[in-house]
């Protein structure tokens, strides 16, 4: 059991995909690539994310060194988030995936519909 846990921890792709494969991380990174953004502005742009999930996502991205959090000297104080150089390099990888997803989404949906109709007929 100890060996298995060690392999899971040391697997780079699993470790990274656990972070970027959640429901919101890619959307936050794609949005922050446009420039620094405040919490509420991010929440308005990323449709359907709850305040709690955005806070958790940003905290995890900051923990991984992908996002920087800066408290602005305003009254009341406000917080701005931006991508770090590591986060920007993740954005570059996500751009390729995003382009692939856009190019293939229609065909994938068609394949799903065909599969589902075959399954219903069985």
C-alpha atoms as a PDB file:
ATOM      1  CA  UNK A   1       0.000   0.000   0.000  1.00  0.00           C
ATOM      2  CA  UNK A   2       2.863   2.406   0.781  1.00  0.00           C
ATOM      3  CA  UNK A   3       4.380   1.811  -2.659  1.00  0.00           C
ATOM      4  CA  UNK A   4       1.064   2.513  -4.398  1.00  0.00           C
ATOM      5  CA  UNK A   5       0.553   5.780  -2.552  1.00  0.00           C
ATOM      6  CA  UNK A   6       4.086   6.838  -3.462  1.00  0.00           C
ATOM      7  CA  UNK A   7       3.512   6.122  -7.160  1.00  0.00           C
ATOM      8  CA  UNK A   8       0.292   8.147  -7.154  1.00  0.00           C
ATOM      9  CA  UNK A   9       2.020  11.096  -5.500  1.00  0.00           C
ATOM     10  CA  UNK A  10       5.031  10.987  -7.803  1.00  0.00           C
ATOM     11  CA  UNK A  11       3.015  10.718 -11.030  1.00  0.00           C
ATOM     12  CA  UNK A  12       3.368  14.179 -12.586  1.00  0.00           C
ATOM     13  CA  UNK A  13       0.441  13.912 -14.981  1.00  0.00           C
ATOM     14  CA  UNK A  14      -1.961  12.713 -12.284  1.00  0.00           C
ATOM     15  CA  UNK A  15      -0.781  15.406  -9.883  1.00  0.00           C
ATOM     16  CA  UNK A  16      -1.283  18.190 -12.435  1.00  0.00           C
ATOM     17  CA  UNK A  17      -4.512  16.820 -13.906  1.00  0.00           C
ATOM     18  CA  UNK A  18      -5.998  16.630 -10.416  1.00  0.00           C
ATOM     19  CA  UNK A  19      -5.636  20.417 -10.315  1.00  0.00           C
ATOM     20  CA  UNK A  20      -6.506  21.462 -13.849  1.00  0.00           C
ATOM     21  CA  UNK A  21      -9.101  18.758 -14.391  1.00  0.00           C
ATOM     22  CA  UNK A  22     -11.596  20.172 -11.917  1.00  0.00           C
ATOM     23  CA  UNK A  23     -14.659  22.049 -13.058  1.00  0.00           C
ATOM     24  CA  UNK A  24     -13.297  25.591 -12.732  1.00  0.00           C
ATOM     25  CA  UNK A  25      -9.502  25.805 -12.872  1.00  0.00           C
ATOM     26  CA  UNK A  26      -9.151  25.974 -16.651  1.00  0.00           C
ATOM     27  CA  UNK A  27     -11.819  28.670 -16.888  1.00  0.00           C
ATOM     28  CA  UNK A  28     -10.125  30.765 -14.189  1.00  0.00           C
ATOM     29  CA  UNK A  29      -6.713  30.412 -15.866  1.00  0.00           C
ATOM     30  CA  UNK A  30      -8.147  31.281 -19.279  1.00  0.00           C
ATOM     31  CA  UNK A  31      -9.796  34.387 -17.835  1.00  0.00           C
ATOM     32  CA  UNK A  32      -6.750  35.539 -15.856  1.00  0.00           C
ATOM     33  CA  UNK A  33      -4.640  35.216 -19.010  1.00  0.00           C
ATOM     34  CA  UNK A  34      -6.467  38.336 -20.217  1.00  0.00           C
ATOM     35  CA  UNK A  35      -4.958  40.280 -17.309  1.00  0.00           C
ATOM     36  CA  UNK A  36      -5.244  40.790 -13.566  1.00  0.00           C
ATOM     37  CA  UNK A  37      -8.767  40.585 -12.236  1.00  0.00           C
ATOM     38  CA  UNK A  38     -10.606  41.153  -8.991  1.00  0.00           C
ATOM     39  CA  UNK A  39     -12.596  38.401  -7.316  1.00  0.00           C
ATOM     40  CA  UNK A  40     -16.072  39.765  -8.095  1.00  0.00           C
ATOM     41  CA  UNK A  41     -15.148  40.508 -11.698  1.00  0.00           C
ATOM     42  CA  UNK A  42     -14.004  36.893 -12.099  1.00  0.00           C
ATOM     43  CA  UNK A  43     -17.226  35.670 -10.552  1.00  0.00           C
ATOM     44  CA  UNK A  44     -19.311  37.729 -12.989  1.00  0.00           C
ATOM     45  CA  UNK A  45     -17.398  36.437 -16.019  1.00  0.00           C
ATOM     46  CA  UNK A  46     -17.256  32.750 -15.059  1.00  0.00           C
ATOM     47  CA  UNK A  47     -20.867  31.721 -15.386  1.00  0.00           C
ATOM     48  CA  UNK A  48     -22.392  29.540 -12.669  1.00  0.00           C
ATOM     49  CA  UNK A  49     -19.392  29.435 -10.315  1.00  0.00           C
ATOM     50  CA  UNK A  50     -20.332  29.983  -6.686  1.00  0.00           C
ATOM     51  CA  UNK A  51     -18.449  32.392  -4.468  1.00  0.00           C
ATOM     52  CA  UNK A  52     -17.182  29.482  -2.392  1.00  0.00           C
ATOM     53  CA  UNK A  53     -15.945  27.473  -5.402  1.00  0.00           C
ATOM     54  CA  UNK A  54     -14.172  30.493  -6.870  1.00  0.00           C
ATOM     55  CA  UNK A  55     -12.453  31.125  -3.526  1.00  0.00           C
ATOM     56  CA  UNK A  56     -11.389  27.461  -3.258  1.00  0.00           C
ATOM     57  CA  UNK A  57     -10.175  27.396  -6.864  1.00  0.00           C
ATOM     58  CA  UNK A  58      -8.148  30.587  -6.470  1.00  0.00           C
ATOM     59  CA  UNK A  59      -6.671  29.359  -3.185  1.00  0.00           C
ATOM     60  CA  UNK A  60      -5.592  26.085  -4.818  1.00  0.00           C
ATOM     61  CA  UNK A  61      -4.098  27.898  -7.810  1.00  0.00           C
ATOM     62  CA  UNK A  62      -2.213  30.225  -5.479  1.00  0.00           C
ATOM     63  CA  UNK A  63      -0.964  27.241  -3.458  1.00  0.00           C
ATOM     64  CA  UNK A  64       0.366  25.634  -6.655  1.00  0.00           C
ATOM     65  CA  UNK A  65       2.134  28.845  -7.671  1.00  0.00           C
ATOM     66  CA  UNK A  66      -0.084  29.407 -10.698  1.00  0.00           C
ATOM     67  CA  UNK A  67      -1.854  32.518  -9.447  1.00  0.00           C
ATOM     68  CA  UNK A  68      -0.617  35.500  -7.443  1.00  0.00           C
ATOM     69  CA  UNK A  69      -2.898  37.281  -4.983  1.00  0.00           C
ATOM     70  CA  UNK A  70      -2.311  40.982  -4.356  1.00  0.00           C
ATOM     71  CA  UNK A  71      -4.165  43.060  -1.771  1.00  0.00           C
ATOM     72  CA  UNK A  72      -4.753  46.504  -3.240  1.00  0.00           C
ATOM     73  CA  UNK A  73      -4.303  49.520  -0.963  1.00  0.00           C
ATOM     74  CA  UNK A  74      -7.837  50.838  -1.410  1.00  0.00           C
ATOM     75  CA  UNK A  75     -10.645  51.629   0.958  1.00  0.00           C
ATOM     76  CA  UNK A  76     -12.101  49.112   1.441  1.00  0.00           C
ATOM     77  CA  UNK A  77      -9.150  46.848   0.600  1.00  0.00           C
ATOM     78  CA  UNK A  78      -9.635  44.777  -2.527  1.00  0.00           C
ATOM     79  CA  UNK A  79      -7.844  41.727  -3.867  1.00  0.00           C
ATOM     80  CA  UNK A  80      -6.595  41.236  -7.400  1.00  0.00           C
ATOM     81  CA  UNK A  81      -5.488  37.945  -8.929  1.00  0.00           C
ATOM     82  CA  UNK A  82      -3.063  37.408 -11.785  1.00  0.00           C
ATOM     83  CA  UNK A  83      -1.214  34.550 -13.412  1.00  0.00           C
ATOM     84  CA  UNK A  84       2.335  33.865 -12.368  1.00  0.00           C
ATOM     85  CA  UNK A  85       4.888  32.863 -15.031  1.00  0.00           C
ATOM     86  CA  UNK A  86       4.044  29.214 -14.226  1.00  0.00           C
ATOM     87  CA  UNK A  87       0.338  30.007 -14.632  1.00  0.00           C
ATOM     88  CA  UNK A  88       1.068  31.690 -17.967  1.00  0.00           C
ATOM     89  CA  UNK A  89       2.858  28.546 -19.147  1.00  0.00           C
ATOM     90  CA  UNK A  90      -0.199  26.506 -18.135  1.00  0.00           C
ATOM     91  CA  UNK A  91      -2.341  28.924 -20.115  1.00  0.00           C
ATOM     92  CA  UNK A  92      -0.261  28.213 -23.214  1.00  0.00           C
ATOM     93  CA  UNK A  93      -0.971  24.495 -22.825  1.00  0.00           C
ATOM     94  CA  UNK A  94      -4.666  25.143 -22.154  1.00  0.00           C
ATOM     95  CA  UNK A  95      -4.934  27.244 -25.309  1.00  0.00           C
ATOM     96  CA  UNK A  96      -4.066  24.184 -27.385  1.00  0.00           C
ATOM     97  CA  UNK A  97      -6.619  22.093 -25.512  1.00  0.00           C
ATOM     98  CA  UNK A  98      -9.212  24.851 -25.781  1.00  0.00           C
ATOM     99  CA  UNK A  99      -8.686  25.105 -29.536  1.00  0.00           C
ATOM    100  CA  UNK A 100      -8.974  21.341 -29.892  1.00  0.00           C
ATOM    101  CA  UNK A 101     -12.173  21.332 -27.830  1.00  0.00           C
ATOM    102  CA  UNK A 102     -13.739  24.068 -29.951  1.00  0.00           C
ATOM    103  CA  UNK A 103     -12.763  22.329 -33.194  1.00  0.00           C
ATOM    104  CA  UNK A 104     -14.125  18.950 -32.046  1.00  0.00           C
ATOM    105  CA  UNK A 105     -17.078  19.762 -29.780  1.00  0.00           C
ATOM    106  CA  UNK A 106     -19.716  19.423 -32.480  1.00  0.00           C
ATOM    107  CA  UNK A 107     -18.368  16.078 -33.706  1.00  0.00           C
ATOM    108  CA  UNK A 108     -18.086  14.769 -30.145  1.00  0.00           C
ATOM    109  CA  UNK A 109     -21.682  15.749 -29.401  1.00  0.00           C
ATOM    110  CA  UNK A 110     -22.772  14.001 -32.595  1.00  0.00           C
ATOM    111  CA  UNK A 111     -20.873  10.857 -31.599  1.00  0.00           C
ATOM    112  CA  UNK A 112     -22.503  10.930 -28.163  1.00  0.00           C
ATOM    113  CA  UNK A 113     -25.963  11.259 -29.675  1.00  0.00           C
ATOM    114  CA  UNK A 114     -25.320   8.338 -32.041  1.00  0.00           C
ATOM    115  CA  UNK A 115     -23.971   6.191 -29.213  1.00  0.00           C
ATOM    116  CA  UNK A 116     -26.885   7.058 -26.913  1.00  0.00           C
ATOM    117  CA  UNK A 117     -29.432   6.244 -29.615  1.00  0.00           C
ATOM    118  CA  UNK A 118     -27.775   2.839 -30.205  1.00  0.00           C
ATOM    119  CA  UNK A 119     -27.824   2.144 -26.461  1.00  0.00           C
ATOM    120  CA  UNK A 120     -31.510   3.033 -26.197  1.00  0.00           C
ATOM    121  CA  UNK A 121     -32.315   0.746 -29.132  1.00  0.00           C
ATOM    122  CA  UNK A 122     -30.549  -2.209 -27.457  1.00  0.00           C
END
